[in-house]
C-alpha cells in the first residue's frame, strides 16, 4: 500500500508540475486535457487495479496489460509530436533571429546603405 501512495503522490505532483511549468510555453488546452486525463487514469488504475480489465474488455482487448501497453504507446506518440512541434518552433525562431542579426551586422558594416537606396 505504501508503494501505491508513493506512486499516486508522484504522478499527481509530476502532472501538476507539467501543467504549471509549461504555462510559459503556451500550453494549449488539449495538451492540458491529455496531461490531466493521463494523471487521472494512472491514479485510478493504481487505486483500483481491477478496474483496468473491464476497460480493456470495453476496448476489445483480452488483457489489462495490453491496455497499459497501448496507452503507453499513445502517450509516447503524444510526447514525440510535442517535441517535434517544439523543435519546429525553435527552428523558425532561430531563423528569424539569424536574419535580424545578419541585417544588423550588414548595416553596421555598410552604414551608407539606407532604406532609400
N, C-alpha and C. Protein backbone atom coordinates (compact mmCIF):
# COMPACT_ATOMS: atom_id res chain seq x y z
N UNK A 1 0.81 -1.19 0.00
CA UNK A 1 0.00 0.00 0.00
C UNK A 1 0.86 1.27 0.00
N UNK A 2 2.02 1.19 0.65
CA UNK A 2 2.91 2.34 0.69
C UNK A 2 3.40 2.71 -0.70
N UNK A 3 3.68 1.70 -1.53
CA UNK A 3 4.11 1.96 -2.89
C UNK A 3 3.01 2.62 -3.70
N UNK A 4 1.78 2.21 -3.50
CA UNK A 4 0.65 2.85 -4.20
C UNK A 4 0.54 4.31 -3.83
N UNK A 5 0.66 4.61 -2.56
CA UNK A 5 0.56 6.00 -2.11
C UNK A 5 1.70 6.82 -2.72
N UNK A 6 2.89 6.26 -2.73
CA UNK A 6 4.04 6.95 -3.32
C UNK A 6 3.80 7.19 -4.82
N UNK A 7 3.30 6.19 -5.53
CA UNK A 7 3.04 6.34 -6.97
C UNK A 7 1.98 7.41 -7.23
N UNK A 8 0.93 7.41 -6.43
CA UNK A 8 -0.14 8.38 -6.62
C UNK A 8 0.38 9.80 -6.37
N UNK A 9 1.11 9.98 -5.29
CA UNK A 9 1.65 11.31 -5.00
C UNK A 9 2.63 11.74 -6.09
N UNK A 10 3.47 10.82 -6.53
CA UNK A 10 4.46 11.16 -7.57
C UNK A 10 3.79 11.55 -8.88
N UNK A 11 2.78 10.82 -9.31
CA UNK A 11 2.15 11.14 -10.59
C UNK A 11 1.34 12.43 -10.50
N UNK A 12 0.71 12.69 -9.35
CA UNK A 12 -0.03 13.95 -9.20
C UNK A 12 0.93 15.14 -9.19
N UNK A 13 2.02 15.03 -8.45
CA UNK A 13 2.99 16.12 -8.42
C UNK A 13 3.60 16.33 -9.80
N UNK A 14 3.94 15.25 -10.48
CA UNK A 14 4.53 15.37 -11.82
C UNK A 14 3.54 15.98 -12.81
N UNK A 15 2.28 15.57 -12.74
CA UNK A 15 1.27 16.11 -13.65
C UNK A 15 1.06 17.60 -13.44
N UNK A 16 0.92 18.02 -12.20
CA UNK A 16 0.75 19.44 -11.93
C UNK A 16 2.00 20.23 -12.26
N UNK A 17 3.17 19.63 -12.06
CA UNK A 17 4.41 20.30 -12.45
C UNK A 17 4.45 20.52 -13.96
N UNK A 18 4.02 19.51 -14.72
CA UNK A 18 3.99 19.66 -16.18
C UNK A 18 3.08 20.79 -16.60
N UNK A 19 1.91 20.85 -15.99
CA UNK A 19 0.96 21.90 -16.38
C UNK A 19 1.47 23.27 -15.94
N UNK A 20 1.99 23.36 -14.73
CA UNK A 20 2.46 24.65 -14.22
C UNK A 20 3.71 25.11 -14.96
N UNK A 21 4.65 24.21 -15.18
CA UNK A 21 5.92 24.56 -15.82
C UNK A 21 5.72 24.95 -17.28
N UNK A 22 4.74 24.38 -17.94
CA UNK A 22 4.58 24.61 -19.36
C UNK A 22 3.68 25.79 -19.67
N UNK A 23 3.22 26.53 -18.66
CA UNK A 23 2.40 27.71 -18.92
C UNK A 23 3.17 28.73 -19.74
N UNK A 24 4.44 28.84 -19.48
CA UNK A 24 5.25 29.83 -20.18
C UNK A 24 5.51 29.43 -21.63
N UNK A 25 5.19 28.21 -21.99
CA UNK A 25 5.48 27.71 -23.33
C UNK A 25 4.19 27.61 -24.16
N UNK A 26 3.21 28.39 -23.78
CA UNK A 26 1.94 28.44 -24.50
C UNK A 26 1.29 27.07 -24.61
N UNK A 27 0.99 26.49 -23.48
CA UNK A 27 0.33 25.18 -23.49
C UNK A 27 -1.09 25.36 -23.98
N UNK A 28 -1.46 24.55 -24.92
CA UNK A 28 -2.81 24.58 -25.45
C UNK A 28 -3.73 23.79 -24.53
N UNK A 29 -5.01 24.06 -24.65
CA UNK A 29 -5.99 23.42 -23.77
C UNK A 29 -6.00 21.91 -23.97
N UNK A 30 -5.84 21.44 -25.20
CA UNK A 30 -5.89 19.99 -25.43
C UNK A 30 -4.69 19.29 -24.80
N UNK A 31 -3.56 19.98 -24.70
CA UNK A 31 -2.40 19.38 -24.04
C UNK A 31 -2.66 19.24 -22.54
N UNK A 32 -3.31 20.25 -21.95
CA UNK A 32 -3.65 20.16 -20.54
C UNK A 32 -4.64 19.03 -20.29
N UNK A 33 -5.60 18.88 -21.19
CA UNK A 33 -6.59 17.81 -21.04
C UNK A 33 -5.92 16.44 -21.12
N UNK A 34 -5.00 16.27 -22.04
CA UNK A 34 -4.30 14.99 -22.17
C UNK A 34 -3.47 14.70 -20.92
N UNK A 35 -2.77 15.70 -20.41
CA UNK A 35 -1.96 15.50 -19.21
C UNK A 35 -2.84 15.15 -18.02
N UNK A 36 -3.94 15.90 -17.85
CA UNK A 36 -4.83 15.62 -16.73
C UNK A 36 -5.51 14.26 -16.85
N UNK A 37 -5.91 13.88 -18.06
CA UNK A 37 -6.53 12.56 -18.23
C UNK A 37 -5.53 11.44 -17.96
N UNK A 38 -4.28 11.64 -18.33
CA UNK A 38 -3.26 10.65 -18.03
C UNK A 38 -3.07 10.52 -16.53
N UNK A 39 -3.01 11.65 -15.83
CA UNK A 39 -2.84 11.62 -14.38
C UNK A 39 -4.03 10.92 -13.72
N UNK A 40 -5.23 11.27 -14.12
CA UNK A 40 -6.43 10.64 -13.54
C UNK A 40 -6.45 9.15 -13.85
N UNK A 41 -6.10 8.78 -15.08
CA UNK A 41 -6.08 7.36 -15.44
C UNK A 41 -5.08 6.55 -14.63
N UNK A 42 -3.90 7.10 -14.47
CA UNK A 42 -2.87 6.38 -13.70
C UNK A 42 -3.28 6.26 -12.22
N UNK A 43 -3.85 7.32 -11.68
CA UNK A 43 -4.29 7.27 -10.29
C UNK A 43 -5.41 6.24 -10.12
N UNK A 44 -6.37 6.22 -11.05
CA UNK A 44 -7.47 5.25 -10.95
C UNK A 44 -6.97 3.81 -11.07
N UNK A 45 -6.09 3.56 -12.01
CA UNK A 45 -5.57 2.20 -12.17
C UNK A 45 -4.70 1.80 -10.98
N UNK A 46 -4.01 2.77 -10.39
CA UNK A 46 -3.21 2.47 -9.21
C UNK A 46 -4.09 2.16 -8.00
N UNK A 47 -5.14 2.95 -7.83
CA UNK A 47 -6.04 2.71 -6.70
C UNK A 47 -6.92 1.47 -6.89
N UNK A 48 -7.42 1.30 -8.11
CA UNK A 48 -8.34 0.20 -8.41
C UNK A 48 -7.79 -0.64 -9.57
N UNK A 49 -6.83 -1.52 -9.32
CA UNK A 49 -6.25 -2.30 -10.42
C UNK A 49 -7.26 -3.22 -11.11
N UNK A 50 -8.31 -3.62 -10.41
CA UNK A 50 -9.33 -4.47 -11.02
C UNK A 50 -10.17 -3.72 -12.04
N UNK A 51 -10.11 -2.41 -12.03
CA UNK A 51 -10.86 -1.60 -12.98
C UNK A 51 -10.26 -1.65 -14.38
N UNK A 52 -9.00 -1.98 -14.48
CA UNK A 52 -8.35 -1.96 -15.80
C UNK A 52 -8.83 -3.08 -16.72
N UNK A 53 -9.21 -4.22 -16.17
CA UNK A 53 -9.70 -5.32 -17.02
C UNK A 53 -11.02 -4.99 -17.71
N UNK A 54 -12.03 -4.46 -17.01
CA UNK A 54 -13.26 -4.09 -17.73
C UNK A 54 -13.03 -3.01 -18.79
N UNK A 55 -12.12 -2.08 -18.51
CA UNK A 55 -11.81 -1.05 -19.50
C UNK A 55 -11.16 -1.69 -20.72
N UNK A 56 -10.24 -2.63 -20.49
CA UNK A 56 -9.59 -3.33 -21.60
C UNK A 56 -10.60 -4.13 -22.40
N UNK A 57 -11.51 -4.80 -21.72
CA UNK A 57 -12.55 -5.56 -22.43
C UNK A 57 -13.47 -4.65 -23.23
N UNK A 58 -13.73 -3.45 -22.71
CA UNK A 58 -14.55 -2.48 -23.44
C UNK A 58 -13.91 -2.11 -24.77
N UNK A 59 -12.59 -1.99 -24.77
CA UNK A 59 -11.87 -1.64 -26.00
C UNK A 59 -11.54 -2.85 -26.86
N UNK A 60 -12.00 -4.03 -26.48
CA UNK A 60 -11.80 -5.22 -27.29
C UNK A 60 -10.47 -5.91 -27.03
N UNK A 61 -9.85 -5.63 -25.90
CA UNK A 61 -8.59 -6.28 -25.55
C UNK A 61 -8.87 -7.36 -24.52
N UNK A 62 -8.07 -8.42 -24.56
CA UNK A 62 -8.29 -9.54 -23.65
C UNK A 62 -7.56 -9.38 -22.32
N UNK A 63 -6.53 -8.55 -22.29
CA UNK A 63 -5.74 -8.40 -21.07
C UNK A 63 -5.59 -6.93 -20.73
N UNK A 64 -5.52 -6.65 -19.43
CA UNK A 64 -5.32 -5.27 -18.99
C UNK A 64 -3.91 -4.79 -19.32
N UNK A 65 -2.98 -5.72 -19.40
CA UNK A 65 -1.61 -5.36 -19.74
C UNK A 65 -1.53 -4.76 -21.14
N UNK A 66 -2.31 -5.31 -22.06
CA UNK A 66 -2.34 -4.75 -23.42
C UNK A 66 -2.84 -3.31 -23.41
N UNK A 67 -3.85 -3.05 -22.58
CA UNK A 67 -4.38 -1.69 -22.47
C UNK A 67 -3.30 -0.74 -21.98
N UNK A 68 -2.53 -1.16 -21.00
CA UNK A 68 -1.47 -0.31 -20.47
C UNK A 68 -0.38 -0.09 -21.51
N UNK A 69 -0.03 -1.14 -22.24
CA UNK A 69 1.00 -1.01 -23.29
C UNK A 69 0.52 -0.07 -24.39
N UNK A 70 -0.72 -0.23 -24.85
CA UNK A 70 -1.23 0.64 -25.91
C UNK A 70 -1.37 2.08 -25.42
N UNK A 71 -1.78 2.25 -24.17
CA UNK A 71 -1.84 3.60 -23.61
C UNK A 71 -0.48 4.25 -23.55
N UNK A 72 0.53 3.46 -23.19
CA UNK A 72 1.89 3.99 -23.14
C UNK A 72 2.38 4.37 -24.54
N UNK A 73 2.05 3.56 -25.54
CA UNK A 73 2.45 3.88 -26.91
C UNK A 73 1.80 5.18 -27.36
N UNK A 74 0.52 5.36 -27.06
CA UNK A 74 -0.17 6.60 -27.43
C UNK A 74 0.45 7.79 -26.72
N UNK A 75 0.78 7.62 -25.45
CA UNK A 75 1.43 8.70 -24.70
C UNK A 75 2.79 9.05 -25.29
N UNK A 76 3.56 8.04 -25.68
CA UNK A 76 4.87 8.30 -26.30
C UNK A 76 4.72 9.02 -27.64
N UNK A 77 3.70 8.66 -28.42
CA UNK A 77 3.44 9.38 -29.67
C UNK A 77 3.08 10.84 -29.41
N UNK A 78 2.29 11.08 -28.38
CA UNK A 78 1.94 12.44 -27.99
C UNK A 78 3.18 13.23 -27.61
N UNK A 79 4.04 12.63 -26.81
CA UNK A 79 5.27 13.30 -26.38
C UNK A 79 6.18 13.57 -27.58
N UNK A 80 6.31 12.61 -28.47
CA UNK A 80 7.14 12.79 -29.66
C UNK A 80 6.61 13.91 -30.54
N UNK A 81 5.30 13.96 -30.73
CA UNK A 81 4.71 15.03 -31.54
C UNK A 81 4.94 16.39 -30.89
N UNK A 82 4.81 16.47 -29.58
CA UNK A 82 5.07 17.73 -28.88
C UNK A 82 6.50 18.18 -29.05
N UNK A 83 7.44 17.25 -28.92
CA UNK A 83 8.86 17.60 -29.07
C UNK A 83 9.14 18.05 -30.50
N UNK A 84 8.57 17.36 -31.49
CA UNK A 84 8.77 17.74 -32.88
C UNK A 84 8.24 19.15 -33.14
N UNK A 85 7.03 19.44 -32.66
CA UNK A 85 6.47 20.76 -32.87
C UNK A 85 7.27 21.84 -32.16
N UNK A 86 7.77 21.52 -30.98
CA UNK A 86 8.60 22.49 -30.25
C UNK A 86 9.89 22.78 -31.00
N UNK A 87 10.53 21.74 -31.57
CA UNK A 87 11.74 21.95 -32.35
C UNK A 87 11.45 22.78 -33.60
N UNK A 88 10.30 22.57 -34.22
CA UNK A 88 9.94 23.37 -35.39
C UNK A 88 9.78 24.84 -35.00
N UNK A 89 9.14 25.10 -33.87
CA UNK A 89 9.00 26.48 -33.40
C UNK A 89 10.37 27.10 -33.12
N UNK A 90 11.23 26.34 -32.45
CA UNK A 90 12.57 26.86 -32.16
C UNK A 90 13.37 27.11 -33.42
N UNK A 91 13.21 26.23 -34.40
CA UNK A 91 13.92 26.39 -35.67
C UNK A 91 13.49 27.68 -36.38
N UNK A 92 12.20 27.96 -36.39
CA UNK A 92 11.73 29.18 -37.04
C UNK A 92 12.17 30.42 -36.26
N UNK A 93 12.19 30.33 -34.93
CA UNK A 93 12.66 31.46 -34.13
C UNK A 93 14.14 31.73 -34.36
N UNK A 94 14.93 30.68 -34.43
CA UNK A 94 16.37 30.84 -34.67
C UNK A 94 16.61 31.43 -36.06
N UNK A 95 15.85 30.99 -37.05
CA UNK A 95 16.00 31.55 -38.40
C UNK A 95 15.66 33.03 -38.42
N UNK A 96 14.60 33.41 -37.74
CA UNK A 96 14.21 34.82 -37.68
C UNK A 96 15.27 35.65 -36.98
N UNK A 97 15.79 35.14 -35.89
CA UNK A 97 16.84 35.86 -35.15
C UNK A 97 18.11 35.97 -35.99
N UNK A 98 18.47 34.91 -36.70
CA UNK A 98 19.67 34.94 -37.54
C UNK A 98 19.52 35.97 -38.65
N UNK A 99 18.33 36.07 -39.23
CA UNK A 99 18.11 37.08 -40.27
C UNK A 99 18.24 38.48 -39.70
N UNK A 100 17.64 38.70 -38.53
CA UNK A 100 17.73 40.03 -37.92
C UNK A 100 19.16 40.40 -37.58
N UNK A 101 19.92 39.45 -37.05
CA UNK A 101 21.32 39.72 -36.70
C UNK A 101 22.13 40.00 -37.95
N UNK A 102 21.90 39.24 -39.01
CA UNK A 102 22.68 39.47 -40.23
C UNK A 102 22.35 40.81 -40.85
N UNK A 103 21.10 41.23 -40.77
CA UNK A 103 20.74 42.56 -41.28
C UNK A 103 21.40 43.64 -40.44
N UNK A 104 21.38 43.49 -39.12
CA UNK A 104 22.02 44.47 -38.25
C UNK A 104 23.53 44.53 -38.48
N UNK A 105 24.15 43.37 -38.66
CA UNK A 105 25.61 43.34 -38.92
C UNK A 105 25.93 44.00 -40.25
N UNK A 106 25.12 43.77 -41.26
CA UNK A 106 25.40 44.38 -42.56
C UNK A 106 25.19 45.88 -42.52
N UNK A 107 24.22 46.35 -41.72
CA UNK A 107 24.03 47.79 -41.59
C UNK A 107 25.18 48.44 -40.82
N UNK A 108 25.78 47.71 -39.88
CA UNK A 108 26.95 48.23 -39.18
C UNK A 108 28.15 48.29 -40.11
N UNK A 109 28.27 47.27 -40.95
CA UNK A 109 29.42 47.18 -41.85
C UNK A 109 29.31 48.21 -42.98
N UNK A 110 28.10 48.41 -43.47
CA UNK A 110 27.86 49.35 -44.57
C UNK A 110 26.86 50.41 -44.10
N UNK A 111 27.31 51.40 -43.33
CA UNK A 111 26.38 52.39 -42.76
C UNK A 111 25.74 53.28 -43.81
N UNK A 112 26.34 53.37 -44.99
CA UNK A 112 25.79 54.24 -46.03
C UNK A 112 24.54 53.62 -46.67
N UNK A 113 24.29 52.35 -46.43
CA UNK A 113 23.14 51.68 -47.02
C UNK A 113 21.91 52.02 -46.18
N UNK A 114 20.94 52.65 -46.77
CA UNK A 114 19.71 53.01 -46.06
C UNK A 114 18.52 52.47 -46.82
N UNK A 115 17.34 52.76 -46.31
CA UNK A 115 16.13 52.27 -46.97
C UNK A 115 15.85 53.03 -48.26
N UNK A 116 16.45 54.20 -48.43
CA UNK A 116 16.22 54.99 -49.64
C UNK A 116 16.89 54.36 -50.85
N UNK A 117 17.97 53.64 -50.65
CA UNK A 117 18.72 53.05 -51.78
C UNK A 117 18.08 51.82 -52.29
